[in-house]
Protein backbone atom coordinates (compact mmCIF):
# COMPACT_ATOMS: atom_id res chain seq x y z
CA ILE A 1 144.56 -29.27 57.14
CA THR A 2 145.30 -31.63 59.96
CA LYS A 3 146.44 -30.10 63.27
CA ASP A 4 147.64 -31.82 66.53
CA TRP A 5 144.85 -32.01 69.01
CA SER A 6 147.29 -32.41 71.84
CA ASP A 7 148.95 -29.05 71.01
CA PRO A 8 148.63 -26.98 74.23
CA SER A 9 148.80 -23.74 72.32
CA ILE A 10 145.39 -24.48 70.61
CA ARG A 11 142.79 -22.67 72.55
CA ALA A 12 139.46 -23.59 70.56
CA LYS A 13 138.59 -26.31 68.27
CA VAL A 14 135.99 -25.45 65.59
CA ALA A 15 133.95 -27.75 63.37
CA PHE A 16 132.51 -26.21 60.24
CA ALA A 17 129.48 -28.12 59.17
CA PHE A 18 127.69 -28.19 55.86
CA PRO A 19 124.35 -29.76 56.00
CA ASP A 20 124.64 -31.73 52.82
CA ILE A 21 126.88 -34.43 51.44
CA TYR A 22 130.52 -33.79 50.97
CA ASP A 23 130.14 -33.79 47.09
CA LEU A 24 127.92 -30.65 47.30
CA GLY A 25 129.25 -29.00 50.26
CA GLY A 26 133.02 -29.39 49.77
CA SER A 27 133.24 -26.65 47.31
CA ASN A 28 130.97 -24.09 49.29
CA LEU A 29 132.97 -20.92 49.19
CA GLY A 30 131.75 -19.64 52.62
CA LEU A 31 132.96 -22.85 54.34
CA MET A 32 136.27 -22.77 52.54
CA ILE A 33 137.03 -19.09 53.47
CA LEU A 34 136.18 -19.71 57.21
CA TYR A 35 138.20 -22.99 57.21
CA ASP A 36 141.23 -21.26 55.84
CA LEU A 37 140.96 -18.18 58.23
CA VAL A 38 140.67 -20.28 61.37
CA ASN A 39 143.46 -22.64 60.38
CA LYS A 40 145.86 -19.83 59.63
CA ARG A 41 145.94 -19.15 63.24
CA ASP A 42 148.39 -21.23 65.28
CA ASP A 43 146.10 -21.11 68.36
CA LEU A 44 143.05 -22.27 66.73
CA LEU A 45 141.90 -25.62 64.88
CA ALA A 46 139.24 -26.05 62.19
CA GLU A 47 137.89 -29.26 60.59
CA ARG A 48 134.97 -29.92 58.52
CA VAL A 49 131.75 -32.18 58.61
CA PHE A 50 129.18 -32.95 56.14
CA CYS A 51 125.86 -34.84 56.20
CA PRO A 52 126.10 -38.54 55.31
CA TRP A 53 123.97 -40.12 52.58
CA PRO A 54 120.80 -41.91 54.13
CA ASP A 55 122.38 -45.32 53.76
CA PHE A 56 125.40 -44.43 55.83
CA GLU A 57 123.26 -42.52 58.28
CA GLU A 58 121.36 -45.77 58.76
CA VAL A 59 124.59 -47.67 59.61
CA MET A 60 125.76 -45.01 62.01
CA ARG A 61 122.43 -45.18 63.93
CA ASP A 62 122.51 -49.06 63.88
CA GLU A 63 126.24 -49.16 65.14
CA GLY A 64 125.95 -46.21 67.60
CA ILE A 65 128.61 -44.27 65.61
CA PRO A 66 128.46 -40.44 66.51
CA LEU A 67 128.78 -37.89 63.55
CA TYR A 68 132.48 -37.12 63.28
CA SER A 69 134.85 -34.59 61.44
CA LEU A 70 136.37 -35.32 58.16
CA GLU A 71 140.01 -34.55 58.85
CA THR A 72 140.68 -36.49 62.13
CA ARG A 73 137.36 -38.26 62.80
CA HIS A 74 136.74 -36.78 66.31
CA PRO A 75 133.09 -36.82 67.27
CA LEU A 76 131.50 -33.44 67.16
CA THR A 77 131.01 -33.36 70.82
CA ASP A 78 134.82 -33.11 71.07
CA PHE A 79 134.78 -29.70 69.46
CA ASP A 80 134.15 -26.29 71.38
CA ILE A 81 132.28 -24.72 68.52
CA ILE A 82 130.13 -26.19 65.69
CA GLY A 83 129.49 -23.65 62.93
CA PHE A 84 126.92 -24.40 60.29
CA SER A 85 126.86 -23.02 56.95
CA LEU A 86 123.25 -22.40 55.70
CA PRO A 87 123.18 -21.14 52.15
CA TYR A 88 119.49 -21.90 51.55
CA GLU A 89 116.42 -23.10 53.37
CA GLN A 90 116.08 -26.57 51.72
CA LEU A 91 118.93 -27.73 54.14
CA TYR A 92 117.30 -26.80 57.34
CA THR A 93 116.26 -30.43 58.18
CA ASN A 94 119.66 -31.70 57.54
CA VAL A 95 120.84 -29.59 60.33
CA LEU A 96 118.66 -31.59 62.63
CA THR A 97 119.85 -34.74 61.23
CA MET A 98 123.51 -33.77 61.79
CA LEU A 99 122.80 -32.59 65.45
CA ASP A 100 120.87 -35.79 66.10
CA LEU A 101 123.61 -38.02 64.76
CA ALA A 102 126.13 -36.06 66.81
CA GLN A 103 124.20 -36.83 69.96
CA ILE A 104 123.67 -33.04 70.67
CA PRO A 105 120.30 -31.81 71.84
CA LEU A 106 118.41 -30.24 68.96
CA ARG A 107 116.99 -27.27 70.86
CA SER A 108 119.48 -24.72 72.38
CA HIS A 109 117.67 -24.58 75.65
CA ASP A 110 118.37 -28.18 76.27
CA ARG A 111 122.01 -27.93 76.05
CA THR A 112 124.23 -27.61 79.02
CA ASN A 113 127.88 -26.16 79.44
CA GLU A 114 129.21 -29.53 78.42
CA HIS A 115 127.79 -29.41 74.89
CA PRO A 116 129.44 -27.50 71.93
CA LEU A 117 128.44 -23.96 71.11
CA VAL A 118 126.25 -24.40 68.00
CA ILE A 119 126.01 -21.42 65.65
CA ALA A 120 124.99 -20.77 62.06
CA GLY A 121 125.69 -18.38 59.21
CA GLY A 122 125.18 -17.88 55.65
CA SER A 123 122.36 -16.29 53.45
CA GLY A 124 119.87 -18.94 54.96
CA CYS A 125 120.13 -17.13 58.20
CA TYR A 126 119.12 -13.59 56.91
CA ASN A 127 115.69 -14.51 58.21
CA PRO A 128 116.73 -16.44 61.47
CA GLU A 129 113.47 -17.23 62.92
CA PRO A 130 112.56 -20.50 61.24
CA MET A 131 115.70 -22.11 62.64
CA SER A 132 115.98 -20.09 65.84
CA ALA A 133 115.17 -22.83 68.40
CA PHE A 134 118.03 -24.89 67.17
CA PHE A 135 121.06 -22.60 67.30
CA ASP A 136 122.77 -20.78 70.25
CA ALA A 137 123.65 -17.90 68.03
CA MET A 138 123.12 -16.89 64.27
CA VAL A 139 125.25 -14.66 62.23
CA VAL A 140 123.30 -12.18 60.20
CA GLY A 141 125.96 -10.91 57.86
CA GLU A 142 129.53 -12.03 56.88
CA GLY A 143 130.92 -14.86 59.09
CA GLU A 144 134.46 -13.94 58.55
CA GLU A 145 133.92 -10.52 60.16
CA VAL A 146 132.88 -12.03 63.50
CA ILE A 147 134.28 -15.61 63.77
CA PHE A 148 137.29 -14.45 65.89
CA ASP A 149 135.02 -12.41 68.18
CA ILE A 150 132.88 -15.39 68.68
CA VAL A 151 135.82 -17.65 69.55
CA ASP A 152 137.16 -14.78 71.88
CA ALA A 153 133.83 -14.70 73.57
CA TYR A 154 133.51 -18.54 74.00
CA GLU A 155 137.15 -18.58 75.43
CA GLU A 156 136.38 -15.89 78.03
CA TRP A 157 133.08 -17.57 78.93
CA ARG A 158 134.89 -21.02 79.41
CA LYS A 159 137.37 -19.47 81.85
CA THR A 160 134.44 -18.50 84.07
CA THR A 161 132.56 -21.85 84.04
CA ASP A 162 134.46 -22.99 87.01
CA VAL A 163 132.94 -20.28 89.14
CA GLY A 164 129.49 -20.91 88.00
CA ALA A 165 128.92 -19.14 84.70
CA SER A 166 125.98 -20.68 82.88
CA ARG A 167 125.18 -21.15 79.16
CA GLU A 168 123.03 -18.06 79.40
CA ASP A 169 126.18 -16.24 80.35
CA LEU A 170 127.89 -17.22 77.03
CA TRP A 171 124.62 -16.17 75.18
CA ARG A 172 124.89 -12.72 76.70
CA ARG A 173 128.45 -12.33 75.63
CA LEU A 174 127.59 -13.43 72.15
CA ALA A 175 124.66 -10.96 71.75
CA ARG A 176 126.91 -8.17 72.37
CA ILE A 177 128.84 -8.90 69.08
CA GLN A 178 127.37 -6.72 66.25
CA GLY A 179 125.56 -8.92 63.66
CA VAL A 180 125.17 -11.92 66.10
CA TYR A 181 121.58 -12.77 67.00
CA VAL A 182 121.04 -15.03 70.02
CA PRO A 183 117.35 -16.33 69.88
CA GLN A 184 116.95 -17.33 73.38
CA LEU A 185 117.47 -13.67 74.51
CA TYR A 186 114.86 -12.27 72.25
CA GLU A 187 111.03 -12.79 71.69
CA SER A 188 109.46 -12.55 68.40
CA THR A 189 105.69 -11.57 67.89
CA TYR A 190 103.80 -12.05 64.64
CA ASN A 191 101.10 -10.21 62.70
CA ASP A 192 97.85 -11.83 62.07
CA ASP A 193 99.03 -13.10 58.62
CA GLY A 194 101.99 -14.83 60.15
CA THR A 195 104.62 -12.24 59.18
CA LEU A 196 106.92 -10.99 61.69
CA ALA A 197 105.89 -7.89 63.59
CA ARG A 198 108.89 -7.32 65.94
CA THR A 199 111.57 -8.90 67.85
CA THR A 200 112.38 -7.50 71.40
CA PRO A 201 114.87 -8.56 73.95
CA VAL A 202 113.85 -10.48 77.16
CA ASP A 203 117.11 -9.88 78.85
CA ASN A 204 118.25 -6.32 80.03
CA GLU A 205 121.79 -7.14 79.22
CA VAL A 206 121.51 -7.52 75.62
CA PRO A 207 121.12 -4.82 72.74
CA GLN A 208 117.62 -3.80 71.59
CA GLU A 209 118.52 -4.61 68.04
C-alpha cells in the first residue's frame, strides 16, 4: 500500500517496524493487522521497515544512508510514529541497530520534540522492563485496541508544541491510555534476587497502575 505523502488529509504517518529481516518479518501477523487497520483510514498512512542484513547495514553506515521505509523509502525520521513489533526477546538488540541506523537517539530521554514517537508492542513487551529505556511507550496487550488512541494522543500533543508542550507532555497523554506503559513516568524497584518488586509512578498526573 503506497499513499501520497503530500495529501493534506493525512494527519499522521506511522512506520511499523519489525526488528529482523524482511524474509522473517514480512509475514508477521501482528504487523500485518496493524498495517491494514491504519491504511484503511483515509487520514492515516502506514509503511513498513525491517532490519537489514549485516552486509547491507555496513554499506548504509559507510555511505551515510539512514534506515528507510519499504514502500516509499522515506527515512524513519520523516514519520510521526515508529511502532516496533516485538514477538520475542531475541530481537531486542536489533531494535537498537535500527534506531541507530535511523539516526534516532537510542534512549527515550535523549529525544526531543523533533524526533518520532517510538513505541513497541507484542508478546516481547509483556515484561517491558528490559527494553524500557529505549521506548517512549510500550503496549502491554493488543496493539489494535489502542493504536488509534495513540495516534489521537500524538496529534493532540503536536497541536500544543507551538505553545511550549514538551515531550513529557506527550508521555503523560499516552500514560492515560489503558494498556500503555510509559517507562519514563514510572520507577521500578527490585528484590535482592533481581526480580521485580514494584513499579510506582514518579509523576502525579499518571495512573498508579
